[in-house]
């Protein structure tokens, strides 16, 4: 019986948190500044293209890493592409979104919040 309870606890204790917002893509479009100790910017364009750069590393807008993005419900997927044609995908769950801020959570549970520039 103890094995049954431990198994039940493991199955119910490991469920991911369910976030039930729907992201408004129009509110995501623009330039966003990371609210942490970086000088990191993210630009989301309406054509589902974007760029990220970090001014603390002396990288300015136009010199950053380009990506494509898409949103389904509250899931943000970004496709970064390198000079050699490689693709790297990053998936995030947007947990908070309004006109001036949004927060994402990565696959490891780490969150970051951004403010609109």
N, C-alpha and C. Protein backbone atom coordinates (compact mmCIF):
# COMPACT_ATOMS: atom_id res chain seq x y z
N UNK A 1 0.82 -1.18 0.00
CA UNK A 1 0.00 0.00 0.00
C UNK A 1 0.87 1.26 0.00
N UNK A 2 1.99 1.21 0.71
CA UNK A 2 2.92 2.34 0.75
C UNK A 2 3.44 2.63 -0.66
N UNK A 3 3.73 1.60 -1.41
CA UNK A 3 4.20 1.76 -2.79
C UNK A 3 3.15 2.47 -3.63
N UNK A 4 1.88 2.14 -3.44
CA UNK A 4 0.80 2.80 -4.17
C UNK A 4 0.76 4.30 -3.87
N UNK A 5 0.86 4.68 -2.59
CA UNK A 5 0.81 6.08 -2.21
C UNK A 5 2.02 6.86 -2.73
N UNK A 6 3.20 6.25 -2.66
CA UNK A 6 4.40 6.91 -3.17
C UNK A 6 4.28 7.11 -4.68
N UNK A 7 3.81 6.09 -5.39
CA UNK A 7 3.62 6.20 -6.84
C UNK A 7 2.60 7.26 -7.20
N UNK A 8 1.51 7.32 -6.47
CA UNK A 8 0.49 8.35 -6.71
C UNK A 8 1.05 9.74 -6.46
N UNK A 9 1.82 9.89 -5.40
CA UNK A 9 2.40 11.17 -5.06
C UNK A 9 3.37 11.63 -6.15
N UNK A 10 4.18 10.70 -6.66
CA UNK A 10 5.13 11.05 -7.72
C UNK A 10 4.41 11.49 -8.98
N UNK A 11 3.34 10.81 -9.33
CA UNK A 11 2.61 11.16 -10.55
C UNK A 11 1.90 12.49 -10.42
N UNK A 12 1.30 12.78 -9.30
CA UNK A 12 0.58 14.04 -9.15
C UNK A 12 1.51 15.18 -8.79
N UNK A 13 2.63 14.91 -8.15
CA UNK A 13 3.56 15.95 -7.75
C UNK A 13 4.42 16.45 -8.88
N UNK A 14 4.46 15.77 -10.01
CA UNK A 14 5.33 16.15 -11.12
C UNK A 14 4.57 16.78 -12.27
N UNK A 15 3.32 17.11 -12.08
CA UNK A 15 2.56 17.72 -13.16
C UNK A 15 3.04 19.15 -13.38
N UNK A 16 3.22 19.55 -14.65
CA UNK A 16 3.63 20.92 -14.89
C UNK A 16 2.51 21.90 -14.58
N UNK A 17 2.91 23.10 -14.19
CA UNK A 17 1.93 24.16 -13.91
C UNK A 17 1.23 24.54 -15.21
N UNK A 18 -0.08 24.65 -15.16
CA UNK A 18 -0.85 24.99 -16.34
C UNK A 18 -1.09 26.50 -16.36
N UNK A 19 -0.65 27.14 -17.42
CA UNK A 19 -0.85 28.58 -17.60
C UNK A 19 -1.91 28.73 -18.68
N UNK A 20 -2.95 29.49 -18.41
CA UNK A 20 -4.08 29.53 -19.34
C UNK A 20 -4.32 30.93 -19.93
N UNK A 21 -3.25 31.59 -20.40
CA UNK A 21 -3.46 32.85 -21.10
C UNK A 21 -3.28 32.61 -22.59
N UNK A 22 -3.89 33.46 -23.38
CA UNK A 22 -3.66 33.45 -24.81
C UNK A 22 -2.90 34.71 -25.15
N UNK A 23 -1.78 34.55 -25.82
CA UNK A 23 -0.90 35.68 -26.13
C UNK A 23 -1.49 36.48 -27.28
N UNK A 24 -1.49 37.80 -27.11
CA UNK A 24 -1.89 38.73 -28.17
C UNK A 24 -0.63 39.10 -28.94
N UNK A 25 -0.49 38.58 -30.15
CA UNK A 25 0.71 38.83 -30.95
C UNK A 25 0.94 40.32 -31.19
N UNK A 26 -0.12 41.08 -31.37
CA UNK A 26 0.02 42.52 -31.63
C UNK A 26 0.72 43.22 -30.46
N UNK A 27 0.48 42.75 -29.23
CA UNK A 27 1.14 43.35 -28.06
C UNK A 27 2.59 42.92 -27.95
N UNK A 28 2.94 41.80 -28.56
CA UNK A 28 4.31 41.31 -28.51
C UNK A 28 5.23 42.09 -29.46
N UNK A 29 4.67 42.62 -30.53
CA UNK A 29 5.46 43.35 -31.52
C UNK A 29 6.04 44.60 -30.89
N UNK A 30 7.34 44.80 -31.08
CA UNK A 30 8.04 45.96 -30.56
C UNK A 30 9.39 45.58 -30.00
N UNK A 31 10.03 46.53 -29.32
CA UNK A 31 11.33 46.31 -28.70
C UNK A 31 11.12 46.16 -27.20
N UNK A 32 11.74 45.10 -26.64
CA UNK A 32 11.60 44.76 -25.23
C UNK A 32 12.98 44.74 -24.57
N UNK A 33 13.03 45.20 -23.33
CA UNK A 33 14.25 45.28 -22.55
C UNK A 33 14.15 44.30 -21.38
N UNK A 34 15.17 43.46 -21.21
CA UNK A 34 15.16 42.48 -20.12
C UNK A 34 15.32 43.18 -18.77
N UNK A 35 14.45 42.82 -17.83
CA UNK A 35 14.49 43.42 -16.49
C UNK A 35 15.40 42.59 -15.57
N UNK A 36 16.67 42.55 -15.88
CA UNK A 36 17.65 41.89 -15.02
C UNK A 36 18.95 42.68 -15.14
N UNK A 37 20.05 42.10 -14.80
CA UNK A 37 21.31 42.84 -14.80
C UNK A 37 22.00 42.86 -16.16
N UNK A 38 21.26 42.63 -17.21
CA UNK A 38 21.83 42.68 -18.56
C UNK A 38 21.38 43.96 -19.25
N UNK A 39 21.88 44.17 -20.41
CA UNK A 39 21.39 45.25 -21.29
C UNK A 39 20.89 44.58 -22.57
N UNK A 40 20.08 43.56 -22.37
CA UNK A 40 19.62 42.70 -23.46
C UNK A 40 18.29 43.21 -24.00
N UNK A 41 18.22 43.28 -25.31
CA UNK A 41 17.01 43.72 -26.01
C UNK A 41 16.51 42.62 -26.92
N UNK A 42 15.20 42.59 -27.10
CA UNK A 42 14.55 41.68 -28.03
C UNK A 42 13.57 42.49 -28.87
N UNK A 43 13.65 42.36 -30.19
CA UNK A 43 12.71 43.04 -31.07
C UNK A 43 11.89 41.98 -31.81
N UNK A 44 10.57 42.09 -31.68
CA UNK A 44 9.64 41.21 -32.37
C UNK A 44 8.93 42.04 -33.43
N UNK A 45 9.11 41.68 -34.70
CA UNK A 45 8.47 42.38 -35.81
C UNK A 45 7.16 41.71 -36.18
N UNK A 46 6.26 42.46 -36.79
CA UNK A 46 4.95 41.92 -37.15
C UNK A 46 5.03 40.85 -38.23
N UNK A 47 6.13 40.79 -38.96
CA UNK A 47 6.31 39.75 -40.00
C UNK A 47 6.85 38.45 -39.42
N UNK A 48 6.80 38.31 -38.10
CA UNK A 48 7.31 37.15 -37.38
C UNK A 48 8.81 36.95 -37.54
N UNK A 49 9.49 38.05 -37.66
CA UNK A 49 10.96 38.06 -37.64
C UNK A 49 11.37 38.86 -36.42
N UNK A 50 12.63 38.73 -36.02
CA UNK A 50 13.09 39.48 -34.87
C UNK A 50 14.59 39.50 -34.78
N UNK A 51 15.05 40.18 -33.73
CA UNK A 51 16.48 40.30 -33.48
C UNK A 51 16.69 40.48 -31.98
N UNK A 52 17.77 39.93 -31.47
CA UNK A 52 18.15 40.15 -30.09
C UNK A 52 19.59 40.63 -30.05
N UNK A 53 19.88 41.56 -29.13
CA UNK A 53 21.23 42.08 -28.98
C UNK A 53 21.45 42.47 -27.53
N UNK A 54 22.72 42.55 -27.15
CA UNK A 54 23.10 42.89 -25.78
C UNK A 54 24.10 44.03 -25.83
N UNK A 55 23.67 45.22 -25.40
CA UNK A 55 24.52 46.40 -25.46
C UNK A 55 25.69 46.31 -24.49
N UNK A 56 25.59 45.48 -23.43
CA UNK A 56 26.73 45.31 -22.52
C UNK A 56 27.88 44.58 -23.21
N UNK A 57 27.59 43.89 -24.30
CA UNK A 57 28.61 43.22 -25.09
C UNK A 57 28.96 44.03 -26.34
N UNK A 58 28.56 45.30 -26.33
CA UNK A 58 28.83 46.24 -27.42
C UNK A 58 28.19 45.79 -28.74
N UNK A 59 27.03 45.18 -28.64
CA UNK A 59 26.26 44.79 -29.82
C UNK A 59 25.03 45.69 -29.86
N UNK A 60 24.81 46.35 -30.98
CA UNK A 60 23.71 47.29 -31.15
C UNK A 60 22.63 46.68 -32.05
N UNK A 61 21.47 47.32 -32.06
CA UNK A 61 20.40 46.90 -32.96
C UNK A 61 20.93 46.91 -34.39
N UNK A 62 20.60 45.89 -35.14
CA UNK A 62 21.10 45.73 -36.50
C UNK A 62 22.33 44.84 -36.57
N UNK A 63 22.98 44.61 -35.42
CA UNK A 63 24.17 43.76 -35.37
C UNK A 63 23.90 42.45 -34.61
N UNK A 64 22.69 42.29 -34.12
CA UNK A 64 22.37 41.17 -33.24
C UNK A 64 22.05 39.89 -33.98
N UNK A 65 21.55 38.92 -33.22
CA UNK A 65 21.18 37.61 -33.73
C UNK A 65 19.74 37.66 -34.23
N UNK A 66 19.54 37.23 -35.46
CA UNK A 66 18.22 37.24 -36.09
C UNK A 66 17.48 35.94 -35.79
N UNK A 67 16.15 36.05 -35.78
CA UNK A 67 15.33 34.86 -35.55
C UNK A 67 13.95 35.05 -36.17
N UNK A 68 13.27 33.95 -36.37
CA UNK A 68 11.84 33.93 -36.72
C UNK A 68 11.10 33.51 -35.45
N UNK A 69 9.85 33.92 -35.34
CA UNK A 69 9.08 33.56 -34.15
C UNK A 69 7.65 33.23 -34.53
N UNK A 70 7.02 32.44 -33.66
CA UNK A 70 5.61 32.12 -33.81
C UNK A 70 5.02 31.88 -32.43
N UNK A 71 3.72 32.12 -32.32
CA UNK A 71 3.01 31.93 -31.06
C UNK A 71 1.80 31.06 -31.32
N UNK A 72 1.60 30.10 -30.44
CA UNK A 72 0.38 29.29 -30.44
C UNK A 72 -0.11 29.25 -29.01
N UNK A 73 -1.29 29.80 -28.77
CA UNK A 73 -1.83 29.96 -27.41
C UNK A 73 -0.85 30.81 -26.60
N UNK A 74 -0.17 30.20 -25.63
CA UNK A 74 0.81 30.95 -24.84
C UNK A 74 2.23 30.42 -25.06
N UNK A 75 2.43 29.65 -26.12
CA UNK A 75 3.74 29.07 -26.41
C UNK A 75 4.45 29.90 -27.48
N UNK A 76 5.63 30.39 -27.13
CA UNK A 76 6.46 31.17 -28.05
C UNK A 76 7.60 30.29 -28.51
N UNK A 77 7.74 30.16 -29.82
CA UNK A 77 8.87 29.42 -30.39
C UNK A 77 9.68 30.38 -31.24
N UNK A 78 10.99 30.38 -30.98
CA UNK A 78 11.90 31.20 -31.77
C UNK A 78 12.89 30.29 -32.48
N UNK A 79 13.10 30.58 -33.76
CA UNK A 79 14.01 29.83 -34.62
C UNK A 79 15.18 30.77 -34.95
N UNK A 80 16.32 30.52 -34.31
CA UNK A 80 17.52 31.30 -34.57
C UNK A 80 18.29 30.63 -35.69
N UNK A 81 18.85 31.43 -36.57
CA UNK A 81 19.61 30.87 -37.67
C UNK A 81 20.97 31.54 -37.75
N UNK A 82 21.97 30.69 -37.98
CA UNK A 82 23.34 31.16 -37.99
C UNK A 82 23.86 31.39 -39.39
N UNK A 83 25.09 31.85 -39.44
CA UNK A 83 25.73 32.17 -40.71
C UNK A 83 25.93 30.94 -41.58
N UNK A 84 26.00 29.76 -40.99
CA UNK A 84 26.23 28.53 -41.74
C UNK A 84 24.92 27.82 -42.07
N UNK A 85 23.78 28.47 -41.82
CA UNK A 85 22.49 27.89 -42.15
C UNK A 85 21.89 27.01 -41.07
N UNK A 86 22.52 26.92 -39.92
CA UNK A 86 22.00 26.08 -38.85
C UNK A 86 20.78 26.74 -38.19
N UNK A 87 19.89 25.91 -37.65
CA UNK A 87 18.70 26.39 -36.96
C UNK A 87 18.73 25.88 -35.52
N UNK A 88 18.44 26.78 -34.59
CA UNK A 88 18.33 26.42 -33.18
C UNK A 88 16.99 26.95 -32.70
N UNK A 89 16.18 26.07 -32.14
CA UNK A 89 14.85 26.45 -31.67
C UNK A 89 14.85 26.63 -30.16
N UNK A 90 14.17 27.68 -29.70
CA UNK A 90 13.94 27.90 -28.28
C UNK A 90 12.45 28.01 -28.06
N UNK A 91 11.95 27.33 -27.06
CA UNK A 91 10.53 27.35 -26.72
C UNK A 91 10.34 27.95 -25.33
N UNK A 92 9.36 28.84 -25.23
CA UNK A 92 9.05 29.51 -23.98
C UNK A 92 7.54 29.49 -23.77
N UNK A 93 7.13 29.52 -22.52
CA UNK A 93 5.73 29.70 -22.15
C UNK A 93 5.59 31.12 -21.65
N UNK A 94 4.73 31.90 -22.30
CA UNK A 94 4.48 33.25 -21.82
C UNK A 94 3.45 33.16 -20.71
N UNK A 95 3.84 33.63 -19.53
CA UNK A 95 3.00 33.49 -18.35
C UNK A 95 2.28 34.78 -17.99
N UNK A 96 2.83 35.92 -18.43
CA UNK A 96 2.22 37.23 -18.18
C UNK A 96 2.39 38.06 -19.43
N UNK A 97 1.33 38.76 -19.83
CA UNK A 97 1.44 39.68 -20.96
C UNK A 97 0.45 40.82 -20.78
N UNK A 98 0.95 42.05 -20.93
CA UNK A 98 0.09 43.23 -21.01
C UNK A 98 0.74 44.21 -21.96
N UNK A 99 0.28 45.44 -21.99
CA UNK A 99 0.81 46.41 -22.95
C UNK A 99 2.27 46.78 -22.72
N UNK A 100 2.74 46.69 -21.48
CA UNK A 100 4.09 47.18 -21.18
C UNK A 100 5.07 46.13 -20.67
N UNK A 101 4.60 44.94 -20.32
CA UNK A 101 5.50 43.89 -19.83
C UNK A 101 5.04 42.52 -20.33
N UNK A 102 6.00 41.61 -20.38
CA UNK A 102 5.64 40.20 -20.52
C UNK A 102 6.72 39.37 -19.83
N UNK A 103 6.31 38.18 -19.42
CA UNK A 103 7.21 37.25 -18.74
C UNK A 103 7.15 35.92 -19.45
N UNK A 104 8.32 35.33 -19.64
CA UNK A 104 8.35 33.98 -20.20
C UNK A 104 9.04 33.03 -19.24
N UNK A 105 8.71 31.76 -19.38
CA UNK A 105 9.33 30.69 -18.61
C UNK A 105 9.93 29.71 -19.60
N UNK A 106 11.19 29.34 -19.38
CA UNK A 106 11.83 28.40 -20.29
C UNK A 106 11.52 26.96 -19.87
N UNK A 107 12.08 26.02 -20.60
CA UNK A 107 11.81 24.61 -20.34
C UNK A 107 12.37 24.14 -19.00
N UNK A 108 13.27 24.93 -18.40
CA UNK A 108 13.87 24.57 -17.11
C UNK A 108 13.19 25.27 -15.94
N UNK A 109 12.12 26.02 -16.21
CA UNK A 109 11.38 26.69 -15.15
C UNK A 109 11.90 28.07 -14.80
N UNK A 110 12.93 28.54 -15.49
CA UNK A 110 13.48 29.87 -15.23
C UNK A 110 12.61 30.92 -15.93
N UNK A 111 12.33 32.02 -15.23
CA UNK A 111 11.51 33.08 -15.81
C UNK A 111 12.33 34.34 -16.04
N UNK A 112 11.90 35.11 -17.03
CA UNK A 112 12.48 36.43 -17.32
C UNK A 112 11.33 37.36 -17.65
N UNK A 113 11.47 38.60 -17.20
CA UNK A 113 10.46 39.60 -17.47
C UNK A 113 11.07 40.71 -18.32
N UNK A 114 10.27 41.22 -19.24
CA UNK A 114 10.70 42.25 -20.18
C UNK A 114 9.75 43.42 -20.12
N UNK A 115 10.29 44.63 -20.32
CA UNK A 115 9.45 45.83 -20.41
C UNK A 115 9.59 46.41 -21.81
N UNK A 116 8.52 47.02 -22.29
CA UNK A 116 8.52 47.59 -23.63
C UNK A 116 9.29 48.89 -23.62
N UNK A 117 10.14 49.03 -24.60
CA UNK A 117 10.96 50.24 -24.73
C UNK A 117 10.15 51.35 -25.35
